[in-house]
Amino acid sequence: MHIRDHALYVACHDLLSPAEKRCVINPPSAHPRAIDPRRGGATMDAFTAGLLQRIQSTESDLTRARETGDDFLVEVELAELDDLRRLAAEHGVEVGALSA
């Protein structure tokens, strides 16, 4: 924390109610957590939950594109899955078996 920021913090801290001061001292988590059914109900952060949701949605879109015979859309969805897999690997997110 910079000195200027600290001075502002001290000045503003005196204006807070006791409940607000507790939130400053113990701020809520920056990443809301969701239940991960793959790990027996353990929690996962919002990034992981969102990424897994995007993968699941893209897999569904890919299945529909294949069923309708839309070759261009199949290629688009495959590219999206590749990007999502790369992103997951870069962040250590296990995605399991994919439909593609």
N, C-alpha and C. Protein backbone atom coordinates (compact mmCIF):
# COMPACT_ATOMS: atom_id res chain seq x y z
N MET A 1 0.86 -1.17 0.00
CA MET A 1 0.00 0.00 0.00
C MET A 1 0.90 1.22 0.00
N HIS A 2 0.63 2.15 -0.88
CA HIS A 2 1.40 3.39 -0.93
C HIS A 2 1.06 4.29 0.26
N ILE A 3 1.97 5.17 0.62
CA ILE A 3 1.74 6.08 1.76
C ILE A 3 0.50 6.91 1.53
N ARG A 4 0.31 7.41 0.31
CA ARG A 4 -0.86 8.23 -0.01
C ARG A 4 -2.14 7.41 0.20
N ASP A 5 -2.13 6.18 -0.27
CA ASP A 5 -3.30 5.31 -0.11
C ASP A 5 -3.55 5.00 1.36
N HIS A 6 -2.49 4.80 2.10
CA HIS A 6 -2.64 4.50 3.53
C HIS A 6 -3.28 5.69 4.27
N ALA A 7 -2.85 6.91 3.95
CA ALA A 7 -3.42 8.10 4.60
C ALA A 7 -4.91 8.21 4.29
N LEU A 8 -5.27 7.96 3.05
CA LEU A 8 -6.69 8.00 2.66
C LEU A 8 -7.46 6.90 3.39
N TYR A 9 -6.87 5.71 3.48
CA TYR A 9 -7.51 4.60 4.18
C TYR A 9 -7.78 4.96 5.64
N VAL A 10 -6.77 5.53 6.32
CA VAL A 10 -6.92 5.90 7.72
C VAL A 10 -8.00 6.95 7.89
N ALA A 11 -8.01 7.95 7.01
CA ALA A 11 -9.01 9.02 7.10
C ALA A 11 -10.42 8.47 6.87
N CYS A 12 -10.57 7.61 5.91
CA CYS A 12 -11.89 7.06 5.60
C CYS A 12 -12.32 6.00 6.61
N HIS A 13 -11.36 5.28 7.16
CA HIS A 13 -11.67 4.20 8.09
C HIS A 13 -12.43 4.73 9.30
N ASP A 14 -12.11 5.93 9.75
CA ASP A 14 -12.78 6.52 10.91
C ASP A 14 -14.25 6.84 10.63
N LEU A 15 -14.63 6.93 9.36
CA LEU A 15 -16.00 7.26 8.99
C LEU A 15 -16.89 6.01 8.90
N LEU A 16 -16.29 4.83 8.98
CA LEU A 16 -17.04 3.59 8.79
C LEU A 16 -17.71 3.12 10.07
N SER A 17 -18.84 2.44 9.90
CA SER A 17 -19.51 1.81 11.03
C SER A 17 -18.70 0.57 11.44
N PRO A 18 -18.96 0.01 12.64
CA PRO A 18 -18.24 -1.21 13.04
C PRO A 18 -18.41 -2.36 12.05
N ALA A 19 -19.61 -2.51 11.50
CA ALA A 19 -19.84 -3.58 10.52
C ALA A 19 -19.03 -3.33 9.25
N GLU A 20 -18.97 -2.09 8.81
CA GLU A 20 -18.19 -1.77 7.62
C GLU A 20 -16.71 -1.97 7.87
N LYS A 21 -16.24 -1.66 9.07
CA LYS A 21 -14.83 -1.87 9.41
C LYS A 21 -14.47 -3.36 9.35
N ARG A 22 -15.40 -4.23 9.80
CA ARG A 22 -15.14 -5.67 9.72
C ARG A 22 -14.98 -6.11 8.27
N CYS A 23 -15.75 -5.52 7.37
CA CYS A 23 -15.64 -5.87 5.95
C CYS A 23 -14.30 -5.41 5.37
N VAL A 24 -13.80 -4.29 5.85
CA VAL A 24 -12.50 -3.82 5.38
C VAL A 24 -11.40 -4.73 5.90
N ILE A 25 -11.51 -5.13 7.16
CA ILE A 25 -10.49 -5.99 7.76
C ILE A 25 -10.57 -7.40 7.18
N ASN A 26 -11.78 -7.91 7.03
CA ASN A 26 -11.99 -9.26 6.48
C ASN A 26 -12.86 -9.16 5.23
N PRO A 27 -12.30 -8.69 4.12
CA PRO A 27 -13.12 -8.52 2.92
C PRO A 27 -13.63 -9.86 2.41
N PRO A 28 -14.78 -9.85 1.75
CA PRO A 28 -15.28 -11.10 1.18
C PRO A 28 -14.32 -11.58 0.10
N SER A 29 -14.36 -12.85 -0.18
CA SER A 29 -13.49 -13.44 -1.19
C SER A 29 -13.68 -12.76 -2.54
N ALA A 30 -12.59 -12.55 -3.24
CA ALA A 30 -12.66 -11.93 -4.55
C ALA A 30 -13.28 -12.87 -5.58
N HIS A 31 -13.22 -14.15 -5.31
CA HIS A 31 -13.74 -15.14 -6.25
C HIS A 31 -14.82 -15.96 -5.57
N PRO A 32 -16.09 -15.71 -5.93
CA PRO A 32 -17.15 -16.54 -5.35
C PRO A 32 -16.87 -18.01 -5.67
N ARG A 33 -17.31 -18.88 -4.80
CA ARG A 33 -17.01 -20.29 -4.99
C ARG A 33 -18.28 -21.06 -5.34
N ALA A 34 -18.11 -22.08 -6.15
CA ALA A 34 -19.22 -22.92 -6.57
C ALA A 34 -18.88 -24.36 -6.21
N ILE A 35 -19.88 -25.21 -6.17
CA ILE A 35 -19.68 -26.62 -5.84
C ILE A 35 -19.15 -27.36 -7.07
N ASP A 36 -18.11 -28.16 -6.87
CA ASP A 36 -17.50 -28.95 -7.95
C ASP A 36 -17.91 -30.41 -7.78
N PRO A 37 -18.90 -30.88 -8.55
CA PRO A 37 -19.36 -32.27 -8.38
C PRO A 37 -18.28 -33.28 -8.76
N ARG A 38 -17.28 -32.86 -9.52
CA ARG A 38 -16.22 -33.78 -9.92
C ARG A 38 -15.32 -34.13 -8.75
N ARG A 39 -15.34 -33.29 -7.71
CA ARG A 39 -14.46 -33.52 -6.56
C ARG A 39 -15.29 -33.72 -5.29
N GLY A 40 -16.38 -34.44 -5.39
CA GLY A 40 -17.17 -34.79 -4.22
C GLY A 40 -17.77 -33.61 -3.49
N GLY A 41 -18.13 -32.55 -4.22
CA GLY A 41 -18.77 -31.40 -3.61
C GLY A 41 -17.80 -30.35 -3.10
N ALA A 42 -16.51 -30.49 -3.40
CA ALA A 42 -15.55 -29.45 -3.02
C ALA A 42 -15.89 -28.18 -3.79
N THR A 43 -15.37 -27.07 -3.33
CA THR A 43 -15.69 -25.81 -4.01
C THR A 43 -14.68 -25.49 -5.09
N MET A 44 -15.10 -24.65 -6.05
CA MET A 44 -14.22 -24.16 -7.09
C MET A 44 -14.48 -22.68 -7.25
N ASP A 45 -13.51 -21.95 -7.77
CA ASP A 45 -13.70 -20.51 -7.91
C ASP A 45 -14.56 -20.19 -9.13
N ALA A 46 -14.96 -18.95 -9.23
CA ALA A 46 -15.87 -18.52 -10.31
C ALA A 46 -15.22 -18.68 -11.68
N PHE A 47 -13.92 -18.47 -11.77
CA PHE A 47 -13.23 -18.65 -13.04
C PHE A 47 -13.38 -20.08 -13.53
N THR A 48 -13.10 -21.05 -12.64
CA THR A 48 -13.19 -22.46 -13.00
C THR A 48 -14.62 -22.84 -13.37
N ALA A 49 -15.57 -22.40 -12.55
CA ALA A 49 -16.97 -22.71 -12.82
C ALA A 49 -17.41 -22.13 -14.17
N GLY A 50 -17.02 -20.89 -14.44
CA GLY A 50 -17.39 -20.25 -15.71
C GLY A 50 -16.75 -20.94 -16.90
N LEU A 51 -15.49 -21.32 -16.74
CA LEU A 51 -14.78 -21.99 -17.83
C LEU A 51 -15.42 -23.34 -18.13
N LEU A 52 -15.73 -24.10 -17.09
CA LEU A 52 -16.37 -25.41 -17.31
C LEU A 52 -17.75 -25.26 -17.93
N GLN A 53 -18.47 -24.21 -17.54
CA GLN A 53 -19.79 -23.95 -18.14
C GLN A 53 -19.65 -23.62 -19.62
N ARG A 54 -18.66 -22.80 -19.97
CA ARG A 54 -18.43 -22.45 -21.38
C ARG A 54 -18.07 -23.69 -22.19
N ILE A 55 -17.26 -24.57 -21.62
CA ILE A 55 -16.90 -25.80 -22.33
C ILE A 55 -18.13 -26.66 -22.55
N GLN A 56 -18.95 -26.82 -21.52
CA GLN A 56 -20.16 -27.63 -21.65
C GLN A 56 -21.10 -27.03 -22.70
N SER A 57 -21.26 -25.72 -22.69
CA SER A 57 -22.12 -25.06 -23.66
C SER A 57 -21.59 -25.22 -25.08
N THR A 58 -20.29 -25.07 -25.24
CA THR A 58 -19.68 -25.21 -26.56
C THR A 58 -19.80 -26.64 -27.07
N GLU A 59 -19.65 -27.61 -26.18
CA GLU A 59 -19.83 -29.01 -26.57
C GLU A 59 -21.26 -29.26 -27.07
N SER A 60 -22.25 -28.68 -26.38
CA SER A 60 -23.64 -28.82 -26.81
C SER A 60 -23.85 -28.17 -28.17
N ASP A 61 -23.28 -26.98 -28.36
CA ASP A 61 -23.39 -26.29 -29.65
C ASP A 61 -22.73 -27.10 -30.76
N LEU A 62 -21.61 -27.74 -30.45
CA LEU A 62 -20.91 -28.57 -31.43
C LEU A 62 -21.77 -29.77 -31.82
N THR A 63 -22.39 -30.38 -30.84
CA THR A 63 -23.27 -31.53 -31.12
C THR A 63 -24.41 -31.11 -32.04
N ARG A 64 -25.04 -29.97 -31.76
CA ARG A 64 -26.13 -29.48 -32.61
C ARG A 64 -25.64 -29.17 -34.02
N ALA A 65 -24.47 -28.57 -34.12
CA ALA A 65 -23.92 -28.25 -35.44
C ALA A 65 -23.66 -29.52 -36.25
N ARG A 66 -23.15 -30.54 -35.59
CA ARG A 66 -22.92 -31.83 -36.27
C ARG A 66 -24.23 -32.47 -36.70
N GLU A 67 -25.23 -32.41 -35.82
CA GLU A 67 -26.53 -33.01 -36.14
C GLU A 67 -27.22 -32.33 -37.31
N THR A 68 -27.03 -31.02 -37.45
CA THR A 68 -27.66 -30.28 -38.55
C THR A 68 -26.81 -30.26 -39.81
N GLY A 69 -25.59 -30.80 -39.71
CA GLY A 69 -24.73 -30.86 -40.89
C GLY A 69 -24.09 -29.53 -41.26
N ASP A 70 -23.99 -28.61 -40.31
CA ASP A 70 -23.41 -27.29 -40.57
C ASP A 70 -21.90 -27.38 -40.38
N ASP A 71 -21.19 -27.69 -41.47
CA ASP A 71 -19.74 -27.90 -41.40
C ASP A 71 -18.98 -26.66 -40.93
N PHE A 72 -19.42 -25.48 -41.37
CA PHE A 72 -18.75 -24.26 -40.95
C PHE A 72 -18.88 -24.07 -39.44
N LEU A 73 -20.08 -24.23 -38.92
CA LEU A 73 -20.30 -24.07 -37.48
C LEU A 73 -19.54 -25.13 -36.68
N VAL A 74 -19.43 -26.35 -37.22
CA VAL A 74 -18.64 -27.39 -36.56
C VAL A 74 -17.20 -26.91 -36.39
N GLU A 75 -16.63 -26.33 -37.44
CA GLU A 75 -15.26 -25.82 -37.37
C GLU A 75 -15.12 -24.69 -36.36
N VAL A 76 -16.12 -23.81 -36.31
CA VAL A 76 -16.11 -22.69 -35.35
C VAL A 76 -16.14 -23.23 -33.93
N GLU A 77 -17.02 -24.18 -33.66
CA GLU A 77 -17.15 -24.74 -32.31
C GLU A 77 -15.91 -25.54 -31.91
N LEU A 78 -15.30 -26.25 -32.87
CA LEU A 78 -14.07 -26.98 -32.58
C LEU A 78 -12.94 -26.01 -32.21
N ALA A 79 -12.86 -24.91 -32.93
CA ALA A 79 -11.84 -23.89 -32.62
C ALA A 79 -12.08 -23.30 -31.23
N GLU A 80 -13.35 -23.05 -30.90
CA GLU A 80 -13.69 -22.52 -29.58
C GLU A 80 -13.30 -23.52 -28.49
N LEU A 81 -13.58 -24.80 -28.71
CA LEU A 81 -13.19 -25.83 -27.73
C LEU A 81 -11.68 -25.90 -27.57
N ASP A 82 -10.96 -25.79 -28.67
CA ASP A 82 -9.50 -25.79 -28.58
C ASP A 82 -9.02 -24.63 -27.73
N ASP A 83 -9.59 -23.44 -27.93
CA ASP A 83 -9.21 -22.27 -27.15
C ASP A 83 -9.53 -22.47 -25.66
N LEU A 84 -10.71 -23.01 -25.39
CA LEU A 84 -11.11 -23.24 -24.00
C LEU A 84 -10.24 -24.30 -23.33
N ARG A 85 -9.88 -25.35 -24.07
CA ARG A 85 -8.99 -26.38 -23.53
C ARG A 85 -7.62 -25.78 -23.20
N ARG A 86 -7.11 -24.94 -24.11
CA ARG A 86 -5.81 -24.31 -23.88
C ARG A 86 -5.87 -23.44 -22.63
N LEU A 87 -6.93 -22.65 -22.51
CA LEU A 87 -7.10 -21.78 -21.35
C LEU A 87 -7.18 -22.61 -20.06
N ALA A 88 -7.92 -23.70 -20.11
CA ALA A 88 -8.03 -24.57 -18.94
C ALA A 88 -6.66 -25.15 -18.57
N ALA A 89 -5.92 -25.62 -19.55
CA ALA A 89 -4.60 -26.19 -19.29
C ALA A 89 -3.65 -25.15 -18.70
N GLU A 90 -3.71 -23.93 -19.20
CA GLU A 90 -2.85 -22.86 -18.70
C GLU A 90 -3.13 -22.54 -17.23
N HIS A 91 -4.36 -22.80 -16.79
CA HIS A 91 -4.75 -22.47 -15.42
C HIS A 91 -4.94 -23.71 -14.54
N GLY A 92 -4.53 -24.86 -15.05
CA GLY A 92 -4.60 -26.08 -14.24
C GLY A 92 -6.00 -26.59 -13.99
N VAL A 93 -6.94 -26.28 -14.87
CA VAL A 93 -8.32 -26.74 -14.72
C VAL A 93 -8.48 -28.05 -15.47
N GLU A 94 -8.88 -29.09 -14.75
CA GLU A 94 -9.13 -30.39 -15.40
C GLU A 94 -10.51 -30.37 -16.03
N VAL A 95 -10.57 -30.69 -17.33
CA VAL A 95 -11.86 -30.64 -18.00
C VAL A 95 -12.42 -32.03 -18.28
N GLY A 96 -11.65 -33.07 -18.13
CA GLY A 96 -12.14 -34.42 -18.37
C GLY A 96 -12.32 -34.69 -19.84
N ALA A 97 -13.04 -35.76 -20.14
CA ALA A 97 -13.27 -36.17 -21.52
C ALA A 97 -14.24 -35.22 -22.20
N LEU A 98 -13.87 -34.78 -23.38
CA LEU A 98 -14.73 -33.90 -24.16
C LEU A 98 -15.36 -34.68 -25.30
N SER A 99 -16.45 -34.18 -25.82
CA SER A 99 -17.17 -34.89 -26.86
C SER A 99 -16.51 -34.78 -28.21
N ALA A 100 -15.60 -33.84 -28.40
CA ALA A 100 -14.98 -33.63 -29.72
C ALA A 100 -13.86 -34.61 -29.96
